[in-house]
């Protein structure tokens, strides 16, 4: 009896230490919603590209004045998807934190955000440089790769499953480098399908058990 209680106490202490060093209030539903937003954005972007009859991801189409307006629309869709995903993620994470009595902004969450943003911002700057020099066909795989690196880097301070999603994004981005011109489809698969899949896994693995 004493040995069993001793083991239970050790297990409880380890859980408390893990909870104090990791931000575990990420919502699986936020991943699902981000994936849905990404698929909607990909659908709208595909419509713009289909109407134009051009491929802006291969770098093989000459960009005219009318094309510039369509490219601006594509950027607008991307920004809209990003803002919607971030806002939804913040709202759902705050709601989950309040339910579990966790602090939304503490040392672990600060470390999570910092380690996520470093590769992400570096990737964003790198993609802007690619656009500056007209190497637009590598923008799609670069975003996937750097996002995957951000997830892997941040996984040390949150749920370990994020690491596997990050690795999946990195592999997908590397594959995309061999299929130039299909960036939108790889984006939809990564930011859409992968987010929905991993969001669902996180929801049923963590959100359901904690509710």
Protein backbone atom coordinates (compact mmCIF):
# COMPACT_ATOMS: atom_id res chain seq x y z
CA UNK A 1 0.00 0.00 0.00
CA UNK A 2 2.76 2.45 0.98
CA UNK A 3 4.75 1.73 -2.17
CA UNK A 4 1.67 2.26 -4.35
CA UNK A 5 0.96 5.59 -2.69
CA UNK A 6 4.59 6.56 -3.09
CA UNK A 7 4.43 5.83 -6.82
CA UNK A 8 1.19 7.81 -7.13
CA UNK A 9 2.80 10.77 -5.38
CA UNK A 10 5.82 10.63 -7.69
CA UNK A 11 3.50 10.49 -10.72
CA UNK A 12 1.51 13.46 -9.46
CA UNK A 13 4.69 15.49 -8.90
CA UNK A 14 5.89 14.68 -12.43
CA UNK A 15 2.51 15.77 -13.85
CA UNK A 16 2.65 19.02 -11.92
CA UNK A 17 6.18 19.74 -13.17
CA UNK A 18 5.15 18.98 -16.73
CA UNK A 19 2.11 21.25 -16.49
CA UNK A 20 4.21 24.08 -15.05
CA UNK A 21 6.79 23.91 -17.87
CA UNK A 22 4.38 23.38 -20.77
CA UNK A 23 1.43 25.36 -22.05
CA UNK A 24 -1.26 22.69 -22.41
CA UNK A 25 -4.34 24.84 -23.01
CA UNK A 26 -4.10 24.84 -26.79
CA UNK A 27 -7.52 24.03 -28.20
CA UNK A 28 -7.91 21.26 -30.74
CA UNK A 29 -10.97 23.04 -32.12
CA UNK A 30 -8.78 26.00 -33.06
CA UNK A 31 -6.73 23.69 -35.30
CA UNK A 32 -9.90 22.37 -36.93
CA UNK A 33 -11.21 25.89 -37.55
CA UNK A 34 -7.83 27.02 -38.93
CA UNK A 35 -7.94 24.11 -41.36
CA UNK A 36 -11.45 25.00 -42.47
CA UNK A 37 -10.46 28.64 -43.00
CA UNK A 38 -7.45 27.49 -45.03
CA UNK A 39 -9.58 25.27 -47.27
CA UNK A 40 -12.05 28.11 -47.86
CA UNK A 41 -9.15 30.43 -48.70
CA UNK A 42 -7.64 27.84 -51.06
CA UNK A 43 -11.00 27.46 -52.80
CA UNK A 44 -11.33 31.23 -53.31
CA UNK A 45 -7.71 31.50 -54.49
CA UNK A 46 -8.22 28.62 -56.92
CA UNK A 47 -11.23 30.44 -58.36
CA UNK A 48 -9.17 33.58 -58.96
CA UNK A 49 -6.37 31.62 -60.61
CA UNK A 50 -8.78 29.61 -62.75
CA UNK A 51 -10.56 32.74 -64.00
CA UNK A 52 -7.22 34.31 -64.86
CA UNK A 53 -5.99 31.19 -66.62
CA UNK A 54 -2.56 31.70 -65.08
CA UNK A 55 -0.28 29.93 -62.64
CA UNK A 56 1.20 32.36 -60.13
CA UNK A 57 2.99 29.63 -58.22
CA UNK A 58 5.21 28.30 -60.99
CA UNK A 59 6.96 31.55 -61.87
CA UNK A 60 6.48 30.76 -65.55
CA UNK A 61 3.71 33.26 -66.26
CA UNK A 62 4.43 36.87 -67.18
CA UNK A 63 2.62 39.12 -64.69
CA UNK A 64 0.64 41.96 -66.30
CA UNK A 65 -1.17 44.90 -64.73
CA UNK A 66 -4.46 43.01 -64.41
CA UNK A 67 -2.60 40.06 -62.91
CA UNK A 68 -1.21 42.35 -60.22
CA UNK A 69 -4.75 42.99 -58.98
CA UNK A 70 -5.39 39.26 -58.79
CA UNK A 71 -2.13 38.74 -56.91
CA UNK A 72 -3.20 41.43 -54.43
CA UNK A 73 -6.48 39.54 -54.02
CA UNK A 74 -4.53 36.35 -53.29
CA UNK A 75 -2.50 38.17 -50.64
CA UNK A 76 -5.74 39.54 -49.19
CA UNK A 77 -7.18 36.03 -48.93
CA UNK A 78 -4.01 34.77 -47.24
CA UNK A 79 -4.05 37.60 -44.70
CA UNK A 80 -7.76 37.10 -44.05
CA UNK A 81 -7.25 33.38 -43.40
CA UNK A 82 -4.33 34.13 -41.07
CA UNK A 83 -6.25 36.75 -39.07
CA UNK A 84 -9.33 34.52 -38.76
CA UNK A 85 -7.23 31.54 -37.62
CA UNK A 86 -5.26 33.58 -35.06
CA UNK A 87 -8.35 35.29 -33.60
CA UNK A 88 -10.27 32.01 -33.39
CA UNK A 89 -7.26 30.27 -31.80
CA UNK A 90 -6.91 32.98 -29.15
CA UNK A 91 -10.61 32.92 -28.29
CA UNK A 92 -10.82 29.12 -28.01
CA UNK A 93 -7.55 28.88 -26.07
CA UNK A 94 -8.72 31.51 -23.58
CA UNK A 95 -11.99 29.64 -23.14
CA UNK A 96 -10.18 26.35 -22.53
CA UNK A 97 -7.74 28.00 -20.10
CA UNK A 98 -10.60 29.42 -18.03
CA UNK A 99 -12.32 26.05 -17.90
CA UNK A 100 -9.18 24.31 -16.66
CA UNK A 101 -8.14 27.17 -14.36
CA UNK A 102 -4.86 27.68 -16.26
CA UNK A 103 -3.21 31.06 -16.78
CA UNK A 104 -3.31 32.18 -20.39
CA UNK A 105 -0.13 34.29 -20.21
CA UNK A 106 2.61 32.86 -18.03
CA UNK A 107 6.22 31.75 -18.43
CA UNK A 108 5.34 28.62 -20.42
CA UNK A 109 3.03 30.43 -22.84
CA UNK A 110 5.63 33.18 -23.37
CA UNK A 111 8.26 30.57 -24.19
CA UNK A 112 5.82 28.85 -26.53
CA UNK A 113 5.05 32.05 -28.46
CA UNK A 114 8.72 33.10 -28.63
CA UNK A 115 9.98 29.75 -29.89
CA UNK A 116 7.14 29.57 -32.42
CA UNK A 117 7.68 33.10 -33.76
CA UNK A 118 11.45 32.91 -34.29
CA UNK A 119 11.37 30.37 -37.19
CA UNK A 120 8.04 31.76 -38.43
CA UNK A 121 9.26 35.36 -38.72
CA UNK A 122 12.54 34.20 -40.26
CA UNK A 123 10.53 32.25 -42.82
CA UNK A 124 8.30 35.26 -43.50
CA UNK A 125 11.30 37.48 -44.21
CA UNK A 126 12.84 34.77 -46.39
CA UNK A 127 9.62 34.49 -48.42
CA UNK A 128 9.55 38.27 -48.92
CA UNK A 129 13.10 38.04 -50.28
CA UNK A 130 12.01 35.27 -52.65
CA UNK A 131 9.19 37.49 -53.90
CA UNK A 132 11.59 40.43 -54.20
CA UNK A 133 13.81 38.47 -56.56
CA UNK A 134 10.91 36.89 -58.44
CA UNK A 135 11.51 33.36 -57.14
CA UNK A 136 7.82 32.97 -56.35
CA UNK A 137 7.73 29.25 -57.15
CA UNK A 138 9.58 28.53 -53.90
CA UNK A 139 7.27 30.62 -51.68
CA UNK A 140 4.72 27.84 -51.17
CA UNK A 141 7.21 25.13 -50.09
CA UNK A 142 9.15 27.66 -47.99
CA UNK A 143 6.05 28.63 -46.00
CA UNK A 144 5.28 24.97 -45.32
CA UNK A 145 8.85 24.20 -44.26
CA UNK A 146 9.28 27.20 -41.98
CA UNK A 147 5.84 26.68 -40.41
CA UNK A 148 6.82 23.09 -39.72
CA UNK A 149 10.09 24.23 -38.14
CA UNK A 150 8.13 26.68 -35.97
CA UNK A 151 5.83 23.88 -34.77
CA UNK A 152 8.77 21.58 -33.98
CA UNK A 153 10.60 24.36 -32.14
CA UNK A 154 7.52 25.29 -30.09
CA UNK A 155 6.54 21.70 -29.29
CA UNK A 156 9.02 21.64 -26.39
CA UNK A 157 6.74 24.04 -24.53
CA UNK A 158 3.33 22.60 -25.36
CA UNK A 159 1.65 19.34 -26.38
CA UNK A 160 4.15 16.91 -27.89
CA UNK A 161 1.80 16.06 -30.77
CA UNK A 162 2.59 19.45 -32.32
CA UNK A 163 6.07 18.12 -33.07
CA UNK A 164 4.71 15.42 -35.37
CA UNK A 165 2.52 17.92 -37.20
CA UNK A 166 5.59 20.11 -37.69
CA UNK A 167 7.58 17.23 -39.14
CA UNK A 168 4.68 16.46 -41.50
CA UNK A 169 4.70 20.07 -42.71
CA UNK A 170 8.47 19.99 -43.30
CA UNK A 171 8.23 16.78 -45.34
CA UNK A 172 5.28 18.17 -47.31
CA UNK A 173 7.20 21.37 -48.09
CA UNK A 174 10.23 19.42 -49.29
CA UNK A 175 8.02 17.29 -51.56
CA UNK A 176 6.43 20.50 -52.90
CA UNK A 177 9.87 21.65 -54.14
CA UNK A 178 9.69 18.81 -56.68
CA UNK A 179 6.19 19.73 -57.88
CA UNK A 180 6.52 23.38 -58.83
CA UNK A 181 3.21 24.94 -59.86
CA UNK A 182 1.12 22.94 -57.40
CA UNK A 183 1.79 25.15 -54.39
CA UNK A 184 -1.86 25.97 -53.78
CA UNK A 185 -2.75 22.28 -53.53
CA UNK A 186 0.11 21.62 -51.13
CA UNK A 187 -1.01 24.63 -49.07
CA UNK A 188 -4.54 23.23 -48.94
CA UNK A 189 -3.24 19.82 -47.91
CA UNK A 190 -0.94 21.23 -45.22
CA UNK A 191 -2.71 24.22 -43.73
CA UNK A 192 -6.13 22.75 -44.44
CA UNK A 193 -6.21 18.97 -44.14
CA UNK A 194 -3.27 18.59 -41.74
CA UNK A 195 -4.69 21.20 -39.37
CA UNK A 196 -8.12 19.57 -39.36
CA UNK A 197 -6.62 16.11 -38.82
CA UNK A 198 -4.28 17.10 -35.99
CA UNK A 199 -6.88 19.44 -34.49
CA UNK A 200 -9.35 16.56 -34.33
CA UNK A 201 -6.73 14.30 -32.72
CA UNK A 202 -5.90 16.94 -30.11
CA UNK A 203 -9.58 17.61 -29.44
CA UNK A 204 -10.50 13.98 -28.77
CA UNK A 205 -7.22 13.20 -27.00
CA UNK A 206 -7.00 16.22 -24.70
CA UNK A 207 -10.08 18.47 -24.86
CA UNK A 208 -12.58 15.66 -24.34
CA UNK A 209 -10.67 14.09 -21.48
CA UNK A 210 -10.28 17.43 -19.67
CA UNK A 211 -13.94 18.46 -20.01
